[in-house]
């Protein structure tokens, strides 16, 4: 080893380079010391794995962190449990790094870091909807209030249980301070509900009233949801909006209720040749019976989900009604086109001005008469008979056809709704429907036809 060193020095002496050798060694020592000093005097601070700056000491980092935590706790009055973000400090091995002051680092942490505190989550539908609360007690108070509201108007009912239709749970967790909500605000949001988007495609024979009724809406509410509707006239295939608010949480109440109910009486019919077919005459009035019925009912937000009868006590038996049923047919007279007085066989189905008579008109032959009416006006049977049609019928819109026997039928068109169905036996003057504006119609009115042996006749000749 010594021999090798001597040879190396001798080589430099021979080359007149000994001085340069010592100068090189000195430079290497200076650079090494400076580098070692620079690489051990800074620390990288990262938030969520992203470096935000460097500090000269770990004490500076901890001072900035503690300062921000204290400021947040003072401002919110809430004790911090930890940071929501991932905070790290690691030694840096870079040369000539600019370091942050403690105040600069404090400002960065204050602007970029969120904080956690001990709290609770109210989960609805397995976390589909969540509310962050200060404590489980706050969450339980909300649930108890919802249950109390559900049973407060259940006078006379025996409450068996109260629960929630959705999956509802409370979870003790650390929550972000900025997500914390007041329990009263959470309760208000749950009560307000959320909008459920739903549409309906108009089908043959439907009216605004029927669509509204089938979707738990009023006609006014349906019109407000569809401001483009200018009248009661609907088109098959037309889409209507049925959007409305639905609750975030449905409270299910299982209860026992006892109700007094009527027992329907039966009717005994006796044939009578003194009455026309379809006409009836009450001989003995029927009397409904009474009974007490106890049900077990399960309902959510006031809407029944299940209903089961568990007991029944009869208070009074019903009395059978006795009714004479007509067998005679109307005598239909043949009249010329110039006759203006009828046979008296038919009653007017709707009183009012005739806006379009029977016969030829600019748009073709008119097979009936149009009687002025408002939407919803009562329409009555012109005579007793059997309902053979009560549905949509092309240009007639909502239409009813009654067979009176002896080859006579009457048609009532452009209705807004029905009070009868196919197969019903109706009497003279009985309400069968409501005037409307359906089908090929320019405005609300009743189109009335008289058909004898398959051919239309001038209704004026048959009305009394």
Protein backbone atom coordinates (compact mmCIF):
# COMPACT_ATOMS: atom_id res chain seq x y z
CA UNK A 1 0.00 0.00 0.00
CA UNK A 2 2.83 2.48 1.02
CA UNK A 3 4.82 1.48 -2.03
CA UNK A 4 1.91 2.29 -4.30
CA UNK A 5 1.44 5.71 -2.71
CA UNK A 6 5.15 6.49 -3.06
CA UNK A 7 5.06 5.56 -6.69
CA UNK A 8 1.99 7.83 -7.21
CA UNK A 9 3.76 10.81 -5.54
CA UNK A 10 6.94 10.14 -7.43
CA UNK A 11 4.94 10.20 -10.66
CA UNK A 12 3.54 13.65 -9.87
CA UNK A 13 6.99 14.89 -8.87
CA UNK A 14 8.37 13.67 -12.14
CA UNK A 15 5.60 15.53 -13.92
CA UNK A 16 6.01 18.62 -11.82
CA UNK A 17 2.37 18.21 -10.69
CA UNK A 18 2.56 17.78 -6.92
CA UNK A 19 1.14 21.24 -6.32
CA UNK A 20 -1.91 20.58 -8.51
CA UNK A 21 -2.66 17.33 -6.67
CA UNK A 22 -2.98 19.02 -3.28
CA UNK A 23 -5.10 21.82 -4.74
CA UNK A 24 -7.54 19.21 -6.17
CA UNK A 25 -7.82 17.44 -2.84
CA UNK A 26 -8.63 20.71 -1.10
CA UNK A 27 -11.36 21.57 -3.61
CA UNK A 28 -12.99 18.13 -3.21
CA UNK A 29 -13.06 18.53 0.57
CA UNK A 30 -14.66 22.01 0.38
CA UNK A 31 -17.36 20.93 -2.08
CA UNK A 32 -18.13 17.79 -0.03
CA UNK A 33 -18.54 19.78 3.18
CA UNK A 34 -20.77 22.40 1.50
CA UNK A 35 -22.95 19.71 -0.10
CA UNK A 36 -23.34 17.78 3.12
CA UNK A 37 -24.33 20.98 4.93
CA UNK A 38 -26.92 21.91 2.26
CA UNK A 39 -28.53 18.46 2.08
CA UNK A 40 -29.37 18.23 5.78
CA UNK A 41 -30.97 21.58 6.56
CA UNK A 42 -34.50 21.44 4.83
CA UNK A 43 -37.72 19.41 5.04
CA UNK A 44 -40.43 18.90 2.39
CA UNK A 45 -44.05 19.48 3.51
CA UNK A 46 -46.70 17.62 1.44
CA UNK A 47 -50.51 17.67 1.49
CA UNK A 48 -52.22 14.64 -0.09
CA UNK A 49 -48.83 13.53 -1.52
CA UNK A 50 -48.20 16.90 -3.21
CA UNK A 51 -45.27 19.01 -1.96
CA UNK A 52 -46.46 22.51 -1.04
CA UNK A 53 -43.10 23.89 0.23
CA UNK A 54 -39.98 23.38 2.33
CA UNK A 55 -39.12 24.40 5.90
CA UNK A 56 -35.83 24.60 7.69
CA UNK A 57 -36.96 22.57 10.71
CA UNK A 58 -39.66 20.19 11.93
CA UNK A 59 -40.41 22.66 14.71
CA UNK A 60 -41.59 25.19 12.10
CA UNK A 61 -43.95 22.60 10.62
CA UNK A 62 -45.50 21.61 13.96
CA UNK A 63 -45.86 25.23 15.03
CA UNK A 64 -47.77 26.07 11.82
CA UNK A 65 -49.98 22.99 12.17
CA UNK A 66 -50.85 23.67 15.80
CA UNK A 67 -51.56 27.33 15.03
CA UNK A 68 -54.08 26.46 12.30
CA UNK A 69 -55.81 23.85 14.49
CA UNK A 70 -56.15 26.32 17.35
CA UNK A 71 -57.59 29.00 15.04
CA UNK A 72 -60.18 26.59 13.59
CA UNK A 73 -61.22 25.36 17.05
CA UNK A 74 -61.59 28.96 18.27
CA UNK A 75 -63.59 30.01 15.22
CA UNK A 76 -65.97 27.01 15.15
CA UNK A 77 -66.06 26.06 18.83
CA UNK A 78 -65.51 22.46 17.71
CA UNK A 79 -62.72 20.19 18.91
CA UNK A 80 -60.58 18.84 16.06
CA UNK A 81 -59.79 15.13 16.08
CA UNK A 82 -57.51 15.03 13.03
CA UNK A 83 -57.02 16.40 9.53
CA UNK A 84 -59.12 15.15 6.64
CA UNK A 85 -56.15 15.53 4.28
CA UNK A 86 -52.93 13.52 4.41
CA UNK A 87 -50.12 15.69 5.91
CA UNK A 88 -46.44 14.64 5.83
CA UNK A 89 -43.02 16.17 6.50
CA UNK A 90 -39.90 14.44 5.13
CA UNK A 91 -36.20 15.35 4.97
CA UNK A 92 -35.18 16.94 1.66
CA UNK A 93 -31.89 16.15 -0.12
CA UNK A 94 -32.01 18.97 -2.67
CA UNK A 95 -29.38 21.71 -2.94
CA UNK A 96 -30.10 25.39 -2.47
CA UNK A 97 -33.84 25.03 -1.49
CA UNK A 98 -35.88 28.15 -0.68
CA UNK A 99 -37.62 27.52 2.64
CA UNK A 100 -40.97 28.88 3.90
CA UNK A 101 -41.34 30.90 7.05
CA UNK A 102 -43.62 29.56 9.76
CA UNK A 103 -46.24 32.20 8.92
CA UNK A 104 -46.15 31.30 5.21
CA UNK A 105 -46.62 27.62 5.98
CA UNK A 106 -49.47 28.48 8.40
CA UNK A 107 -51.30 30.31 5.61
CA UNK A 108 -50.88 27.38 3.19
CA UNK A 109 -52.16 24.79 5.67
CA UNK A 110 -55.08 27.04 6.61
CA UNK A 111 -56.20 27.34 2.97
CA UNK A 112 -55.66 23.74 1.82
CA UNK A 113 -56.49 21.49 4.77
CA UNK A 114 -59.94 20.34 5.96
CA UNK A 115 -60.46 19.11 9.51
CA UNK A 116 -62.32 16.23 11.12
CA UNK A 117 -64.22 16.12 14.39
CA UNK A 118 -65.99 13.36 16.27
CA UNK A 119 -69.61 13.13 15.05
CA UNK A 120 -72.15 10.87 13.35
CA UNK A 121 -73.63 10.13 9.92
CA UNK A 122 -77.36 9.67 9.33
CA UNK A 123 -77.52 7.21 6.42
CA UNK A 124 -80.66 6.77 4.27
CA UNK A 125 -80.89 3.87 1.80
CA UNK A 126 -77.47 2.48 2.71
CA UNK A 127 -75.74 5.85 2.38
CA UNK A 128 -77.46 6.99 -0.83
CA UNK A 129 -78.33 10.11 1.18
CA UNK A 130 -76.16 11.19 4.13
CA UNK A 131 -76.29 13.95 6.72
CA UNK A 132 -73.30 14.80 8.96
CA UNK A 133 -74.31 15.59 12.54
CA UNK A 134 -72.52 16.57 15.73
CA UNK A 135 -73.61 13.42 17.56
CA UNK A 136 -75.63 10.22 17.43
CA UNK A 137 -78.01 11.85 19.90
CA UNK A 138 -78.85 14.56 17.33
CA UNK A 139 -79.54 11.88 14.72
CA UNK A 140 -81.75 9.90 17.08
CA UNK A 141 -83.68 13.06 17.96
CA UNK A 142 -84.45 13.56 14.24
CA UNK A 143 -85.70 9.99 13.84
CA UNK A 144 -87.79 10.22 17.01
CA UNK A 145 -89.39 13.46 15.80
CA UNK A 146 -90.34 11.87 12.45
CA UNK A 147 -91.95 8.93 14.26
CA UNK A 148 -93.80 11.23 16.66
CA UNK A 149 -95.23 13.22 13.71
CA UNK A 150 -96.45 10.00 12.08
CA UNK A 151 -98.55 8.92 15.08
CA UNK A 152 -99.80 12.29 16.37
CA UNK A 153 -102.99 12.18 14.25
CA UNK A 154 -103.86 8.54 14.91
CA UNK A 155 -106.65 9.16 17.42
CA UNK A 156 -108.62 6.03 18.22
CA UNK A 157 -106.01 3.71 16.72
CA UNK A 158 -103.93 1.19 18.65
CA UNK A 159 -100.30 1.76 17.54
CA UNK A 160 -98.45 -1.55 17.30
CA UNK A 161 -95.15 -0.40 15.77
CA UNK A 162 -93.42 2.55 14.07
CA UNK A 163 -90.49 2.04 11.70
CA UNK A 164 -89.00 3.32 8.45
CA UNK A 165 -89.65 2.00 4.95
CA UNK A 166 -86.12 2.86 3.84
CA UNK A 167 -82.91 1.51 5.37
CA UNK A 168 -82.07 4.18 7.99
CA UNK A 169 -79.01 4.00 10.27
CA UNK A 170 -76.75 6.12 12.49
CA UNK A 171 -72.98 5.69 12.39
CA UNK A 172 -70.37 7.09 14.82
CA UNK A 173 -67.53 8.48 12.67
CA UNK A 174 -65.21 11.44 12.28
CA UNK A 175 -66.92 13.97 10.00
CA UNK A 176 -65.62 16.99 8.12
CA UNK A 177 -66.35 20.17 10.05
CA UNK A 178 -67.64 22.03 6.97
CA UNK A 179 -70.19 19.24 6.35
CA UNK A 180 -71.76 19.42 9.80
CA UNK A 181 -75.47 20.35 9.75
CA UNK A 182 -77.84 21.56 12.40
CA UNK A 183 -80.42 18.89 13.33
CA UNK A 184 -83.33 21.28 12.67
CA UNK A 185 -82.04 21.94 9.15
CA UNK A 186 -81.69 18.21 8.49
CA UNK A 187 -85.23 17.61 9.74
CA UNK A 188 -86.51 20.36 7.41
CA UNK A 189 -84.73 18.80 4.41
CA UNK A 190 -86.21 15.37 5.16
CA UNK A 191 -89.70 16.85 5.47
CA UNK A 192 -89.28 18.82 2.21
CA UNK A 193 -88.46 15.64 0.28
CA UNK A 194 -87.09 15.43 -3.25
CA UNK A 195 -88.60 15.74 -6.70
CA UNK A 196 -89.54 12.48 -8.42
CA UNK A 197 -89.53 12.79 -12.20
CA UNK A 198 -92.42 10.85 -13.76
CA UNK A 199 -94.29 11.13 -17.06
CA UNK A 200 -97.52 9.63 -18.44
CA UNK A 201 -98.34 8.85 -22.08
CA UNK A 202 -101.99 9.57 -22.92
CA UNK A 203 -103.95 6.49 -24.00
CA UNK A 204 -107.26 6.14 -25.82
CA UNK A 205 -110.26 7.11 -23.70
CA UNK A 206 -108.29 9.00 -21.03
CA UNK A 207 -109.18 12.47 -19.77
CA UNK A 208 -107.37 14.99 -17.56
CA UNK A 209 -109.62 14.06 -14.65
CA UNK A 210 -108.91 10.31 -15.03
CA UNK A 211 -105.13 10.80 -15.34
CA UNK A 212 -105.05 13.15 -12.34
CA UNK A 213 -107.22 10.79 -10.26
CA UNK A 214 -105.03 7.76 -11.06
CA UNK A 215 -101.87 9.64 -10.00
CA UNK A 216 -103.13 11.21 -6.75
CA UNK A 217 -103.32 14.69 -8.28
CA UNK A 218 -106.09 17.23 -8.85
CA UNK A 219 -106.85 18.46 -12.35
CA UNK A 220 -105.51 21.87 -11.30
CA UNK A 221 -102.23 20.35 -10.10
CA UNK A 222 -101.89 18.38 -13.35
CA UNK A 223 -102.48 21.55 -15.38
CA UNK A 224 -99.91 23.46 -13.31
CA UNK A 225 -97.35 20.70 -14.00
CA UNK A 226 -98.15 21.00 -17.73
CA UNK A 227 -98.56 24.73 -18.52
CA UNK A 228 -98.60 23.98 -22.27
CA UNK A 229 -102.10 22.49 -21.90
CA UNK A 230 -104.51 25.08 -23.29
CA UNK A 231 -107.73 23.04 -22.89
CA UNK A 232 -109.09 19.66 -21.81
CA UNK A 233 -108.35 18.29 -25.30
CA UNK A 234 -105.72 15.53 -25.20
CA UNK A 235 -103.99 13.63 -27.99
CA UNK A 236 -103.24 9.91 -27.90
CA UNK A 237 -99.50 9.49 -27.33
CA UNK A 238 -99.12 12.92 -25.72
CA UNK A 239 -96.68 12.97 -22.76
CA UNK A 240 -97.70 14.68 -19.53
CA UNK A 241 -95.40 15.53 -16.63
CA UNK A 242 -96.37 14.02 -13.28
CA UNK A 243 -93.34 15.29 -11.32
CA UNK A 244 -93.97 15.84 -7.65
CA UNK A 245 -92.14 15.84 -4.33
CA UNK A 246 -91.65 12.53 -2.56
CA UNK A 247 -90.36 12.16 1.03
CA UNK A 248 -86.73 11.29 1.75
CA UNK A 249 -87.93 9.02 4.56
CA UNK A 250 -91.26 7.18 4.77
CA UNK A 251 -92.46 6.40 8.29
CA UNK A 252 -94.34 3.08 8.47
CA UNK A 253 -97.05 2.86 11.14
CA UNK A 254 -98.67 -0.48 11.94
CA UNK A 255 -101.93 -0.02 13.84
CA UNK A 256 -105.31 -1.51 14.69
CA UNK A 257 -108.39 0.53 13.81
CA UNK A 258 -112.07 -0.25 14.36
CA UNK A 259 -114.54 1.27 11.90
CA UNK A 260 -118.30 1.23 11.58
CA UNK A 261 -119.14 0.06 8.06
CA UNK A 262 -122.31 -0.37 6.05
CA UNK A 263 -123.58 -3.75 4.89
CA UNK A 264 -124.93 -3.48 1.37
CA UNK A 265 -128.50 -4.64 0.86
CA UNK A 266 -129.54 -6.96 -1.97
CA UNK A 267 -132.21 -6.07 -4.55
CA UNK A 268 -135.08 -8.29 -5.66
CA UNK A 269 -136.40 -7.40 -9.16
CA UNK A 270 -139.95 -8.09 -10.34
CA UNK A 271 -140.98 -7.71 -13.99
CA UNK A 272 -143.66 -5.14 -14.82
CA UNK A 273 -145.32 -4.51 -18.20
CA UNK A 274 -146.38 -1.08 -16.99
CA UNK A 275 -142.81 0.21 -17.25
CA UNK A 276 -140.52 0.56 -20.28
CA UNK A 277 -137.44 -1.62 -20.57
CA UNK A 278 -134.66 -0.09 -18.51
CA UNK A 279 -137.09 1.74 -16.24
CA UNK A 280 -137.58 0.69 -12.64
CA UNK A 281 -139.93 1.47 -9.77
CA UNK A 282 -139.02 0.92 -6.14
CA UNK A 283 -141.63 -1.01 -4.19
CA UNK A 284 -139.68 -1.49 -0.97
CA UNK A 285 -136.64 0.66 -0.22
CA UNK A 286 -133.52 -1.22 0.76
CA UNK A 287 -131.87 -0.46 4.07
CA UNK A 288 -128.15 -0.92 4.63
CA UNK A 289 -126.97 -2.88 7.64
CA UNK A 290 -124.17 -1.88 10.00
CA UNK A 291 -121.11 -3.64 11.38
CA UNK A 292 -117.97 -2.92 13.37
CA UNK A 293 -114.83 -4.09 11.59
CA UNK A 294 -111.34 -4.14 13.10
CA UNK A 295 -108.38 -3.95 10.72
CA UNK A 296 -104.63 -4.20 11.10
CA UNK A 297 -103.31 -1.47 8.83
CA UNK A 298 -99.75 -0.79 7.74
CA UNK A 299 -99.32 2.65 6.20
CA UNK A 300 -96.42 4.84 5.07
CA UNK A 301 -96.82 8.63 5.25
CA UNK A 302 -100.59 8.18 5.46
CA UNK A 303 -100.84 5.84 2.43
CA UNK A 304 -102.01 2.30 3.17
CA UNK A 305 -99.54 -0.44 2.24
CA UNK A 306 -101.42 -3.41 3.73
CA UNK A 307 -104.85 -3.85 5.31
CA UNK A 308 -106.08 -7.06 6.96
CA UNK A 309 -109.43 -7.61 8.70
CA UNK A 310 -108.96 -9.27 12.08
CA UNK A 311 -112.48 -8.98 13.61
CA UNK A 312 -116.10 -8.19 12.63
CA UNK A 313 -119.26 -7.61 14.69
CA UNK A 314 -122.68 -7.14 12.96
CA UNK A 315 -124.78 -4.38 14.53
CA UNK A 316 -127.83 -4.60 12.24
CA UNK A 317 -128.83 -6.71 9.25
CA UNK A 318 -129.65 -5.10 5.87
CA UNK A 319 -133.20 -4.97 4.45
CA UNK A 320 -133.72 -6.29 0.89
CA UNK A 321 -135.00 -3.78 -1.70
CA UNK A 322 -137.92 -4.79 -3.95
CA UNK A 323 -137.94 -3.14 -7.40
CA UNK A 324 -140.30 -3.46 -10.37
CA UNK A 325 -138.38 -3.79 -13.66
CA UNK A 326 -139.98 -2.66 -16.92
CA UNK A 327 -140.58 -5.02 -19.84
CA UNK A 328 -142.48 -2.69 -22.24
CA UNK A 329 -140.74 -1.12 -25.27
CA UNK A 330 -141.05 2.45 -26.53
CA UNK A 331 -143.37 2.96 -29.51
CA UNK A 332 -141.33 4.77 -32.20
CA UNK A 333 -143.30 6.73 -34.78
CA UNK A 334 -142.11 7.47 -38.32
CA UNK A 335 -141.97 11.20 -39.13
CA UNK A 336 -141.23 13.19 -42.26
CA UNK A 337 -138.33 15.63 -42.40
CA UNK A 338 -140.66 18.56 -41.90
CA UNK A 339 -141.94 17.43 -38.50
CA UNK A 340 -140.55 19.48 -35.60
CA UNK A 341 -142.36 17.90 -32.66
CA UNK A 342 -141.22 14.54 -31.31
CA UNK A 343 -143.05 11.44 -30.18
CA UNK A 344 -142.20 12.15 -26.58
CA UNK A 345 -140.40 8.80 -26.30
CA UNK A 346 -137.11 10.43 -25.23
CA UNK A 347 -136.08 12.97 -22.64
CA UNK A 348 -133.54 15.71 -23.41
CA UNK A 349 -130.12 14.41 -22.22
CA UNK A 350 -128.99 18.00 -21.58
CA UNK A 351 -130.98 21.21 -21.61
CA UNK A 352 -129.45 23.94 -23.70
CA UNK A 353 -129.27 25.68 -27.04
CA UNK A 354 -128.82 23.58 -30.19
CA UNK A 355 -125.60 24.90 -31.72
CA UNK A 356 -125.61 22.59 -34.75
CA UNK A 357 -128.79 20.82 -36.05
CA UNK A 358 -129.23 17.43 -37.68
CA UNK A 359 -128.64 17.28 -41.45
CA UNK A 360 -126.36 18.69 -44.13
CA UNK A 361 -123.84 21.36 -43.17
CA UNK A 362 -120.65 22.84 -44.65
CA UNK A 363 -118.43 20.05 -43.35
CA UNK A 364 -120.75 17.24 -44.49
CA UNK A 365 -123.80 15.48 -43.06
CA UNK A 366 -124.35 15.91 -39.32
CA UNK A 367 -125.82 12.69 -37.85
CA UNK A 368 -127.09 14.27 -34.64
CA UNK A 369 -127.59 17.55 -32.85
CA UNK A 370 -125.02 19.52 -30.83
CA UNK A 371 -126.27 20.90 -27.52
CA UNK A 372 -124.35 23.71 -25.79
CA UNK A 373 -122.65 22.60 -22.56
CA UNK A 374 -119.74 23.29 -20.27
CA UNK A 375 -117.09 20.70 -19.48
CA UNK A 376 -118.35 18.57 -16.58
CA UNK A 377 -122.09 19.31 -17.10
CA UNK A 378 -124.44 16.42 -16.24
CA UNK A 379 -125.49 14.19 -19.16
CA UNK A 380 -128.57 11.99 -18.59
CA UNK A 381 -130.03 8.92 -20.31
CA UNK A 382 -132.81 9.92 -22.76
CA UNK A 383 -134.69 6.73 -21.81
CA UNK A 384 -134.14 3.50 -19.92
CA UNK A 385 -131.93 0.87 -21.53
CA UNK A 386 -128.64 -1.05 -21.49
CA UNK A 387 -125.22 0.53 -21.94
CA UNK A 388 -123.51 -1.21 -24.89
CA UNK A 389 -120.54 1.20 -25.30
CA UNK A 390 -118.70 3.41 -22.82
CA UNK A 391 -115.25 4.16 -24.24
CA UNK A 392 -113.28 6.16 -26.79
CA UNK A 393 -114.81 5.95 -30.27
CA UNK A 394 -112.73 7.71 -32.94
CA UNK A 395 -113.92 11.24 -33.74
CA UNK A 396 -116.70 10.90 -31.15
CA UNK A 397 -114.03 10.93 -28.39
CA UNK A 398 -115.35 9.56 -25.11
CA UNK A 399 -118.70 8.09 -26.12
CA UNK A 400 -121.69 6.24 -24.59
CA UNK A 401 -124.21 4.17 -26.60
CA UNK A 402 -127.46 2.95 -25.00
CA UNK A 403 -129.74 0.24 -26.45
CA UNK A 404 -133.39 1.01 -25.59
CA UNK A 405 -134.87 -2.04 -27.33
CA UNK A 406 -137.24 -2.19 -30.29
CA UNK A 407 -134.36 -1.19 -32.62
CA UNK A 408 -133.65 2.16 -30.93
CA UNK A 409 -130.27 3.37 -29.66
CA UNK A 410 -128.98 6.78 -28.52
CA UNK A 411 -125.38 8.05 -28.67
CA UNK A 412 -123.75 10.68 -26.41
CA UNK A 413 -120.36 11.95 -27.67
CA UNK A 414 -117.36 14.20 -26.79
CA UNK A 415 -117.74 13.41 -23.06
CA UNK A 416 -115.14 14.27 -20.44
CA UNK A 417 -115.98 11.26 -18.28
CA UNK A 418 -118.30 8.31 -17.60
CA UNK A 419 -120.66 7.45 -14.77
CA UNK A 420 -121.58 4.05 -16.25
CA UNK A 421 -119.89 1.06 -17.83
CA UNK A 422 -120.82 -1.50 -20.48
CA UNK A 423 -123.59 -3.81 -19.25
CA UNK A 424 -125.15 -1.31 -16.84
CA UNK A 425 -128.96 -0.93 -16.92
CA UNK A 426 -129.87 2.75 -16.72
CA UNK A 427 -133.16 4.54 -16.17
CA UNK A 428 -134.64 7.58 -17.88
CA UNK A 429 -132.97 10.75 -16.54
CA UNK A 430 -130.13 8.90 -14.76
CA UNK A 431 -126.71 10.58 -15.06
CA UNK A 432 -124.51 8.57 -17.39
CA UNK A 433 -121.61 10.95 -18.01
CA UNK A 434 -120.18 14.47 -18.10
CA UNK A 435 -120.01 16.85 -21.04
CA UNK A 436 -116.59 17.51 -22.52
CA UNK A 437 -114.46 18.34 -25.54
CA UNK A 438 -112.87 15.01 -26.57
CA UNK A 439 -112.47 13.62 -30.10
CA UNK A 440 -113.10 15.82 -33.14
CA UNK A 441 -114.59 18.75 -31.26
CA UNK A 442 -114.15 22.51 -31.53
CA UNK A 443 -115.30 23.21 -27.99
CA UNK A 444 -117.21 21.71 -25.04
CA UNK A 445 -120.69 20.45 -26.06
CA UNK A 446 -122.83 17.31 -26.27
CA UNK A 447 -123.29 15.55 -29.60
CA UNK A 448 -126.56 13.51 -29.37
CA UNK A 449 -127.79 10.94 -31.89
CA UNK A 450 -130.92 8.83 -32.25
CA UNK A 451 -130.43 5.57 -34.17
CA UNK A 452 -133.40 3.46 -35.31
CA UNK A 453 -132.74 0.09 -36.93
CA UNK A 454 -129.16 1.10 -37.69
CA UNK A 455 -129.92 4.51 -39.26
CA UNK A 456 -129.62 7.92 -37.64
CA UNK A 457 -132.79 9.99 -37.26
CA UNK A 458 -133.40 13.63 -36.41
CA UNK A 459 -133.39 13.64 -32.59
CA UNK A 460 -135.87 16.54 -32.56
CA UNK A 461 -138.56 14.12 -33.78
CA UNK A 462 -138.13 11.93 -30.68
CA UNK A 463 -137.56 14.40 -27.85
CA UNK A 464 -140.37 15.61 -25.63
